[in-house]
């Protein structure tokens, strides 16, 4: 059984916004962020701030059925909100079944662009050492031509 911990009290005041402004890529991923409370409010407010600052937004909805129980529709609504604000979305098969309507409007050309971008990221990562250190910036990916 899941028991909410300190993350439930996380709020915007806990984020050093000057650090957020320095980032080229801002990743939003948490199994518990969308469960509600101040964490949920801060999560989407920070996502909005990153979008306004024209930062590359990465989103991993990180669905855990055991956390959501019979609130799957709430998760889907929140995941769609995150998907619509993101430049990159990590989608697992289980999640894609839940949110297929949110991503179902993508055309074949959209998917080609997404897959091409993801392949470029993977290729660049393979040229470097260290997982996190190897992650390229958005500019590196869009300017990389091999």
N, C-alpha and C. Protein backbone atom coordinates (compact mmCIF):
# COMPACT_ATOMS: atom_id res chain seq x y z
N UNK A 1 0.83 -1.18 0.00
CA UNK A 1 0.00 0.00 0.00
C UNK A 1 0.88 1.24 0.00
N UNK A 2 0.49 2.21 -0.81
CA UNK A 2 1.24 3.45 -0.94
C UNK A 2 0.82 4.44 0.13
N UNK A 3 1.81 5.05 0.77
CA UNK A 3 1.56 6.09 1.76
C UNK A 3 2.35 7.33 1.33
N UNK A 4 1.65 8.40 1.05
CA UNK A 4 2.28 9.63 0.55
C UNK A 4 3.28 10.16 1.56
N UNK A 5 4.46 10.52 1.07
CA UNK A 5 5.52 11.04 1.93
C UNK A 5 5.68 12.53 1.78
N UNK A 6 6.88 13.00 2.03
CA UNK A 6 7.18 14.42 2.00
C UNK A 6 6.96 15.04 0.64
N UNK A 7 7.03 14.24 -0.43
CA UNK A 7 6.84 14.82 -1.76
C UNK A 7 5.46 15.45 -1.92
N UNK A 8 4.49 15.01 -1.14
CA UNK A 8 3.16 15.59 -1.19
C UNK A 8 3.13 17.04 -0.76
N UNK A 9 4.15 17.48 -0.05
CA UNK A 9 4.23 18.87 0.40
C UNK A 9 5.12 19.74 -0.48
N UNK A 10 5.68 19.13 -1.53
CA UNK A 10 6.55 19.86 -2.43
C UNK A 10 5.77 21.00 -3.08
N UNK A 11 6.39 22.17 -3.15
CA UNK A 11 5.72 23.32 -3.76
C UNK A 11 6.68 24.16 -4.55
N UNK A 12 6.15 25.13 -5.22
CA UNK A 12 6.95 26.02 -6.05
C UNK A 12 8.07 26.70 -5.25
N UNK A 13 7.81 26.95 -3.99
CA UNK A 13 8.82 27.60 -3.14
C UNK A 13 10.05 26.71 -2.93
N UNK A 14 9.95 25.44 -3.25
CA UNK A 14 11.06 24.51 -3.07
C UNK A 14 12.00 24.45 -4.28
N UNK A 15 11.68 25.19 -5.32
CA UNK A 15 12.46 25.14 -6.55
C UNK A 15 13.30 26.41 -6.69
N UNK A 16 14.61 26.26 -6.86
CA UNK A 16 15.44 27.44 -7.13
C UNK A 16 15.21 27.88 -8.59
N UNK A 17 14.31 28.82 -8.78
CA UNK A 17 13.90 29.20 -10.14
C UNK A 17 15.06 29.70 -10.99
N UNK A 18 16.09 30.28 -10.36
CA UNK A 18 17.25 30.71 -11.14
C UNK A 18 17.93 29.51 -11.81
N UNK A 19 17.90 28.36 -11.17
CA UNK A 19 18.46 27.14 -11.76
C UNK A 19 17.60 26.66 -12.92
N UNK A 20 16.29 26.77 -12.74
CA UNK A 20 15.38 26.39 -13.81
C UNK A 20 15.66 27.22 -15.06
N UNK A 21 15.89 28.50 -14.88
CA UNK A 21 16.13 29.40 -16.01
C UNK A 21 17.45 29.11 -16.71
N UNK A 22 18.37 28.43 -16.06
CA UNK A 22 19.67 28.10 -16.66
C UNK A 22 19.61 26.84 -17.51
N UNK A 23 18.57 26.07 -17.37
CA UNK A 23 18.49 24.77 -18.03
C UNK A 23 18.06 24.89 -19.49
N UNK A 24 18.68 24.10 -20.34
CA UNK A 24 18.25 24.02 -21.74
C UNK A 24 17.11 23.03 -21.88
N UNK A 25 17.16 21.97 -21.07
CA UNK A 25 16.13 20.94 -21.08
C UNK A 25 15.59 20.80 -19.66
N UNK A 26 14.27 20.76 -19.54
CA UNK A 26 13.64 20.58 -18.24
C UNK A 26 12.79 19.32 -18.33
N UNK A 27 13.11 18.33 -17.49
CA UNK A 27 12.40 17.05 -17.51
C UNK A 27 11.40 16.97 -16.36
N UNK A 28 10.20 16.53 -16.70
CA UNK A 28 9.15 16.33 -15.71
C UNK A 28 8.81 14.85 -15.72
N UNK A 29 9.15 14.18 -14.62
CA UNK A 29 8.86 12.77 -14.51
C UNK A 29 8.77 12.38 -13.05
N UNK A 30 7.67 11.78 -12.69
CA UNK A 30 7.49 11.36 -11.31
C UNK A 30 6.28 10.45 -11.24
N UNK A 31 6.38 9.40 -10.49
CA UNK A 31 5.24 8.52 -10.32
C UNK A 31 4.19 9.14 -9.40
N UNK A 32 4.57 10.14 -8.62
CA UNK A 32 3.64 10.69 -7.63
C UNK A 32 3.27 12.16 -7.85
N UNK A 33 3.93 12.84 -8.77
CA UNK A 33 3.69 14.29 -8.94
C UNK A 33 2.25 14.63 -9.27
N UNK A 34 1.59 13.79 -10.05
CA UNK A 34 0.24 14.13 -10.49
C UNK A 34 -0.85 13.60 -9.57
N UNK A 35 -0.46 13.07 -8.42
CA UNK A 35 -1.46 12.52 -7.50
C UNK A 35 -2.29 13.59 -6.78
N UNK A 36 -1.83 14.82 -6.83
CA UNK A 36 -2.61 15.90 -6.23
C UNK A 36 -1.81 16.74 -5.27
N UNK A 37 -2.47 17.73 -4.70
CA UNK A 37 -1.85 18.59 -3.71
C UNK A 37 -0.93 19.63 -4.30
N UNK A 38 -0.08 20.18 -3.44
CA UNK A 38 0.81 21.26 -3.87
C UNK A 38 1.84 20.78 -4.90
N UNK A 39 2.20 19.49 -4.84
CA UNK A 39 3.14 18.95 -5.81
C UNK A 39 2.54 19.05 -7.21
N UNK A 40 1.30 18.68 -7.38
CA UNK A 40 0.63 18.75 -8.67
C UNK A 40 0.59 20.19 -9.17
N UNK A 41 0.22 21.10 -8.30
CA UNK A 41 0.16 22.52 -8.68
C UNK A 41 1.53 23.02 -9.13
N UNK A 42 2.56 22.72 -8.36
CA UNK A 42 3.92 23.16 -8.69
C UNK A 42 4.40 22.52 -9.99
N UNK A 43 4.07 21.26 -10.18
CA UNK A 43 4.49 20.49 -11.36
C UNK A 43 4.08 21.20 -12.65
N UNK A 44 2.79 21.51 -12.75
CA UNK A 44 2.30 22.12 -13.98
C UNK A 44 2.65 23.60 -14.07
N UNK A 45 2.79 24.26 -12.94
CA UNK A 45 3.22 25.66 -12.97
C UNK A 45 4.67 25.75 -13.48
N UNK A 46 5.52 24.85 -13.01
CA UNK A 46 6.91 24.83 -13.48
C UNK A 46 6.98 24.46 -14.96
N UNK A 47 6.12 23.54 -15.38
CA UNK A 47 6.09 23.17 -16.79
C UNK A 47 5.71 24.40 -17.62
N UNK A 48 4.74 25.16 -17.16
CA UNK A 48 4.34 26.38 -17.86
C UNK A 48 5.46 27.40 -17.92
N UNK A 49 6.18 27.57 -16.81
CA UNK A 49 7.31 28.50 -16.78
C UNK A 49 8.39 28.07 -17.79
N UNK A 50 8.65 26.78 -17.87
CA UNK A 50 9.65 26.27 -18.81
C UNK A 50 9.20 26.53 -20.25
N UNK A 51 7.93 26.33 -20.53
CA UNK A 51 7.40 26.60 -21.88
C UNK A 51 7.53 28.08 -22.22
N UNK A 52 7.17 28.94 -21.27
CA UNK A 52 7.26 30.39 -21.50
C UNK A 52 8.70 30.83 -21.76
N UNK A 53 9.64 30.15 -21.13
CA UNK A 53 11.06 30.47 -21.31
C UNK A 53 11.64 29.80 -22.56
N UNK A 54 10.78 29.12 -23.30
CA UNK A 54 11.17 28.42 -24.54
C UNK A 54 12.23 27.34 -24.29
N UNK A 55 12.12 26.68 -23.16
CA UNK A 55 13.02 25.58 -22.86
C UNK A 55 12.44 24.30 -23.45
N UNK A 56 13.31 23.35 -23.72
CA UNK A 56 12.88 22.05 -24.22
C UNK A 56 12.29 21.28 -23.03
N UNK A 57 11.03 20.88 -23.14
CA UNK A 57 10.33 20.21 -22.05
C UNK A 57 10.18 18.72 -22.37
N UNK A 58 10.70 17.91 -21.48
CA UNK A 58 10.60 16.46 -21.56
C UNK A 58 9.62 16.00 -20.49
N UNK A 59 8.75 15.04 -20.83
CA UNK A 59 7.70 14.60 -19.91
C UNK A 59 7.61 13.08 -19.89
N UNK A 60 7.64 12.51 -18.71
CA UNK A 60 7.44 11.07 -18.50
C UNK A 60 6.29 10.92 -17.51
N UNK A 61 5.09 10.63 -17.99
CA UNK A 61 3.93 10.52 -17.10
C UNK A 61 4.09 9.45 -16.02
N UNK A 62 4.88 8.41 -16.29
CA UNK A 62 5.24 7.41 -15.29
C UNK A 62 4.01 6.81 -14.60
N UNK A 63 3.13 6.24 -15.38
CA UNK A 63 1.90 5.65 -14.85
C UNK A 63 2.19 4.43 -13.98
N UNK A 64 1.58 4.41 -12.81
CA UNK A 64 1.64 3.27 -11.89
C UNK A 64 0.21 2.98 -11.46
N UNK A 65 -0.35 1.91 -12.02
CA UNK A 65 -1.74 1.56 -11.73
C UNK A 65 -2.02 1.40 -10.26
N UNK A 66 -1.04 0.91 -9.51
CA UNK A 66 -1.24 0.71 -8.07
C UNK A 66 -1.40 2.02 -7.32
N UNK A 67 -0.89 3.11 -7.88
CA UNK A 67 -1.03 4.42 -7.24
C UNK A 67 -2.36 5.08 -7.60
N UNK A 68 -2.86 4.80 -8.79
CA UNK A 68 -4.05 5.49 -9.27
C UNK A 68 -5.35 4.75 -8.99
N UNK A 69 -5.29 3.43 -8.86
CA UNK A 69 -6.50 2.67 -8.55
C UNK A 69 -7.62 2.95 -9.53
N UNK A 70 -8.76 3.38 -9.02
CA UNK A 70 -9.92 3.64 -9.88
C UNK A 70 -9.94 5.08 -10.40
N UNK A 71 -8.83 5.79 -10.30
CA UNK A 71 -8.74 7.18 -10.76
C UNK A 71 -8.00 7.30 -12.10
N UNK A 72 -8.09 6.27 -12.93
CA UNK A 72 -7.38 6.25 -14.20
C UNK A 72 -7.77 7.43 -15.08
N UNK A 73 -9.04 7.80 -15.08
CA UNK A 73 -9.49 8.92 -15.92
C UNK A 73 -8.82 10.23 -15.50
N UNK A 74 -8.59 10.40 -14.21
CA UNK A 74 -7.89 11.60 -13.72
C UNK A 74 -6.45 11.59 -14.24
N UNK A 75 -5.80 10.43 -14.15
CA UNK A 75 -4.45 10.31 -14.67
C UNK A 75 -4.40 10.66 -16.16
N UNK A 76 -5.33 10.12 -16.94
CA UNK A 76 -5.36 10.37 -18.38
C UNK A 76 -5.50 11.86 -18.66
N UNK A 77 -6.39 12.52 -17.95
CA UNK A 77 -6.60 13.96 -18.14
C UNK A 77 -5.31 14.74 -17.85
N UNK A 78 -4.65 14.39 -16.75
CA UNK A 78 -3.41 15.08 -16.38
C UNK A 78 -2.26 14.74 -17.34
N UNK A 79 -2.20 13.48 -17.77
CA UNK A 79 -1.16 13.08 -18.72
C UNK A 79 -1.34 13.82 -20.04
N UNK A 80 -2.56 13.98 -20.49
CA UNK A 80 -2.82 14.73 -21.73
C UNK A 80 -2.37 16.18 -21.58
N UNK A 81 -2.58 16.74 -20.41
CA UNK A 81 -2.13 18.12 -20.15
C UNK A 81 -0.60 18.19 -20.28
N UNK A 82 0.10 17.24 -19.67
CA UNK A 82 1.55 17.21 -19.77
C UNK A 82 2.04 16.95 -21.18
N UNK A 83 1.39 16.03 -21.87
CA UNK A 83 1.76 15.70 -23.25
C UNK A 83 1.62 16.92 -24.15
N UNK A 84 0.54 17.67 -23.96
CA UNK A 84 0.31 18.83 -24.82
C UNK A 84 1.33 19.94 -24.58
N UNK A 85 1.98 19.95 -23.42
CA UNK A 85 2.96 21.00 -23.11
C UNK A 85 4.40 20.56 -23.38
N UNK A 86 4.60 19.30 -23.73
CA UNK A 86 5.95 18.75 -23.85
C UNK A 86 6.46 18.74 -25.29
N UNK A 87 7.78 18.86 -25.40
CA UNK A 87 8.46 18.69 -26.69
C UNK A 87 8.81 17.22 -26.91
N UNK A 88 9.01 16.51 -25.84
CA UNK A 88 9.39 15.09 -25.88
C UNK A 88 8.61 14.37 -24.81
N UNK A 89 8.03 13.22 -25.16
CA UNK A 89 7.25 12.44 -24.21
C UNK A 89 7.75 11.00 -24.23
N UNK A 90 8.08 10.49 -23.06
CA UNK A 90 8.42 9.08 -22.92
C UNK A 90 7.10 8.33 -22.75
N UNK A 91 6.84 7.42 -23.67
CA UNK A 91 5.57 6.69 -23.62
C UNK A 91 5.86 5.20 -23.65
N UNK A 92 5.43 4.51 -22.62
CA UNK A 92 5.51 3.06 -22.59
C UNK A 92 4.23 2.49 -23.19
N UNK A 93 4.27 1.26 -23.65
CA UNK A 93 3.11 0.64 -24.28
C UNK A 93 1.87 0.72 -23.38
N UNK A 94 2.04 0.44 -22.10
CA UNK A 94 0.90 0.49 -21.18
C UNK A 94 0.30 1.88 -21.14
N UNK A 95 1.14 2.90 -21.11
CA UNK A 95 0.66 4.28 -21.08
C UNK A 95 0.01 4.65 -22.41
N UNK A 96 0.59 4.20 -23.51
CA UNK A 96 0.04 4.57 -24.81
C UNK A 96 -1.37 4.01 -24.98
N UNK A 97 -1.64 2.88 -24.38
CA UNK A 97 -3.00 2.33 -24.42
C UNK A 97 -3.97 3.22 -23.65
N UNK A 98 -3.49 3.82 -22.57
CA UNK A 98 -4.35 4.70 -21.78
C UNK A 98 -4.56 6.05 -22.44
N UNK A 99 -3.54 6.56 -23.10
CA UNK A 99 -3.58 7.93 -23.61
C UNK A 99 -3.63 8.00 -25.14
N UNK A 100 -4.03 6.93 -25.79
CA UNK A 100 -3.99 6.89 -27.25
C UNK A 100 -4.76 8.04 -27.89
N UNK A 101 -5.79 8.54 -27.25
CA UNK A 101 -6.54 9.65 -27.82
C UNK A 101 -5.70 10.92 -27.83
N UNK A 102 -4.83 11.08 -26.82
CA UNK A 102 -4.01 12.29 -26.75
C UNK A 102 -2.95 12.31 -27.84
N UNK A 103 -2.45 11.14 -28.21
CA UNK A 103 -1.41 11.10 -29.23
C UNK A 103 -1.95 10.59 -30.56
N UNK A 104 -3.22 10.23 -30.59
CA UNK A 104 -3.82 9.68 -31.79
C UNK A 104 -3.95 10.68 -32.93
N UNK A 105 -3.86 11.96 -32.64
CA UNK A 105 -4.00 12.98 -33.68
C UNK A 105 -2.70 13.22 -34.44
N UNK A 106 -1.62 12.58 -34.03
CA UNK A 106 -0.35 12.75 -34.73
C UNK A 106 -0.42 12.06 -36.09
N UNK A 107 0.11 12.72 -37.10
CA UNK A 107 0.13 12.15 -38.44
C UNK A 107 1.34 11.25 -38.61
N UNK A 108 1.38 10.54 -39.73
CA UNK A 108 2.54 9.71 -40.04
C UNK A 108 3.80 10.56 -40.12
N UNK A 109 3.68 11.74 -40.73
CA UNK A 109 4.83 12.65 -40.84
C UNK A 109 5.30 13.11 -39.46
N UNK A 110 4.34 13.35 -38.54
CA UNK A 110 4.71 13.72 -37.17
C UNK A 110 5.53 12.62 -36.53
N UNK A 111 5.07 11.38 -36.69
CA UNK A 111 5.78 10.25 -36.10
C UNK A 111 7.16 10.09 -36.73
N UNK A 112 7.27 10.32 -38.03
CA UNK A 112 8.58 10.25 -38.67
C UNK A 112 9.54 11.27 -38.06
N UNK A 113 9.05 12.48 -37.84
CA UNK A 113 9.89 13.53 -37.23
C UNK A 113 10.30 13.15 -35.81
N UNK A 114 9.35 12.63 -35.04
CA UNK A 114 9.63 12.23 -33.66
C UNK A 114 10.67 11.12 -33.63
N UNK A 115 10.49 10.13 -34.47
CA UNK A 115 11.41 8.99 -34.50
C UNK A 115 12.79 9.42 -35.00
N UNK A 116 12.83 10.30 -36.01
CA UNK A 116 14.11 10.80 -36.50
C UNK A 116 14.86 11.55 -35.39
N UNK A 117 14.13 12.40 -34.66
CA UNK A 117 14.74 13.15 -33.56
C UNK A 117 15.28 12.19 -32.50
N UNK A 118 14.47 11.21 -32.11
CA UNK A 118 14.88 10.24 -31.09
C UNK A 118 16.11 9.46 -31.55
N UNK A 119 16.15 9.09 -32.81
CA UNK A 119 17.31 8.37 -33.34
C UNK A 119 18.56 9.23 -33.32
N UNK A 120 18.42 10.51 -33.61
CA UNK A 120 19.56 11.42 -33.54
C UNK A 120 20.07 11.53 -32.11
N UNK A 121 19.16 11.63 -31.15
CA UNK A 121 19.57 11.68 -29.74
C UNK A 121 20.36 10.41 -29.40
N UNK A 122 19.83 9.26 -29.79
CA UNK A 122 20.51 8.00 -29.51
C UNK A 122 21.88 7.93 -30.14
N UNK A 123 21.99 8.40 -31.36
CA UNK A 123 23.28 8.37 -32.06
C UNK A 123 24.30 9.28 -31.38
N UNK A 124 23.86 10.45 -30.98
CA UNK A 124 24.78 11.38 -30.30
C UNK A 124 25.22 10.80 -28.96
N UNK A 125 24.32 10.22 -28.21
CA UNK A 125 24.65 9.62 -26.92
C UNK A 125 25.72 8.55 -27.08
N UNK A 126 25.64 7.79 -28.17
CA UNK A 126 26.61 6.71 -28.40
C UNK A 126 28.02 7.22 -28.70
N UNK A 127 28.16 8.51 -28.97
CA UNK A 127 29.49 9.06 -29.26
C UNK A 127 30.19 9.59 -28.02
N UNK A 128 29.52 9.52 -26.87
CA UNK A 128 30.07 10.10 -25.64
C UNK A 128 30.14 9.06 -24.53
N UNK A 129 30.78 9.43 -23.44
CA UNK A 129 30.92 8.55 -22.28
C UNK A 129 30.05 9.08 -21.15
N UNK A 130 29.34 8.20 -20.47
CA UNK A 130 28.51 8.59 -19.34
C UNK A 130 27.10 8.92 -19.77
N UNK A 131 26.14 8.30 -19.15
CA UNK A 131 24.75 8.44 -19.57
C UNK A 131 24.26 9.88 -19.50
N UNK A 132 24.30 10.48 -18.34
CA UNK A 132 23.77 11.83 -18.19
C UNK A 132 24.63 12.84 -18.95
N UNK A 133 25.93 12.71 -18.84
CA UNK A 133 26.84 13.63 -19.52
C UNK A 133 26.69 13.53 -21.04
N UNK A 134 26.24 12.39 -21.53
CA UNK A 134 26.11 12.18 -22.97
C UNK A 134 24.82 12.75 -23.55
N UNK A 135 23.86 13.10 -22.70
CA UNK A 135 22.59 13.62 -23.23
C UNK A 135 22.83 14.95 -23.94
N UNK A 136 22.41 15.05 -25.20
CA UNK A 136 22.66 16.28 -25.96
C UNK A 136 21.62 17.35 -25.65
N UNK A 137 21.98 18.58 -25.96
CA UNK A 137 21.01 19.68 -25.87
C UNK A 137 20.12 19.62 -27.11
N UNK A 138 19.05 20.35 -27.07
CA UNK A 138 18.15 20.43 -28.21
C UNK A 138 18.90 20.95 -29.45
N UNK A 139 19.74 21.96 -29.24
CA UNK A 139 20.49 22.53 -30.35
C UNK A 139 21.46 21.52 -30.95
N UNK A 140 22.11 20.73 -30.10
CA UNK A 140 23.02 19.70 -30.61
C UNK A 140 22.28 18.73 -31.52
N UNK A 141 21.09 18.35 -31.12
CA UNK A 141 20.32 17.39 -31.91
C UNK A 141 19.88 18.01 -33.23
N UNK A 142 19.33 19.21 -33.18
CA UNK A 142 18.82 19.82 -34.42
C UNK A 142 19.94 20.23 -35.37
N UNK A 143 21.15 20.45 -34.84
CA UNK A 143 22.28 20.84 -35.70
C UNK A 143 23.14 19.65 -36.13
N UNK A 144 22.88 18.47 -35.59
CA UNK A 144 23.69 17.30 -35.89
C UNK A 144 23.27 16.69 -37.21
N UNK A 145 24.21 16.52 -38.10
CA UNK A 145 23.89 15.98 -39.42
C UNK A 145 24.94 14.95 -39.78
N UNK A 146 24.65 13.69 -39.54
CA UNK A 146 25.60 12.62 -39.84
C UNK A 146 25.01 11.68 -40.87
